[in-house]
Amino acid sequence: LRQAAMTKGTPSFGKRHSKTHTLCVRCGKRSYHIQKSTCASCGYPQKKMRRFNWSAKAKRRRTEGTGRMRYLKHLPRRAKNKFREGTTAPARKRGAAQ
């Protein structure tokens, strides 16, 4: 019998049991590198979000319009009414909208 030498392949993979990445505080992905203390996905703790033009799909996943849009979703309606506040809507004629 020949002794199995340690190679780069299958036997080496059994030794892998330490985690390099953990959950990121900002994006929630398992991309926060513990030793580097940076997120591979969003770039945390940098103030600017990590974003590149070579990955259009990744940009699409986290651009505006993918979350709740608590402020933005009301803007078109408010703009249509010229951003009026604290007043009641003007009365509409009865015959027109029927």
Foldseek 3Di string as FASTA:
>chain_A
DDDDDDDPDDVVVVPDDDDQFQADPPPRDRAQGPVVRAGPQQGPPPPHGDDDPVCPPSCVCDDPPNDPPPPNVCVVVCVVVVNDPDDDDDDDDDPPPD
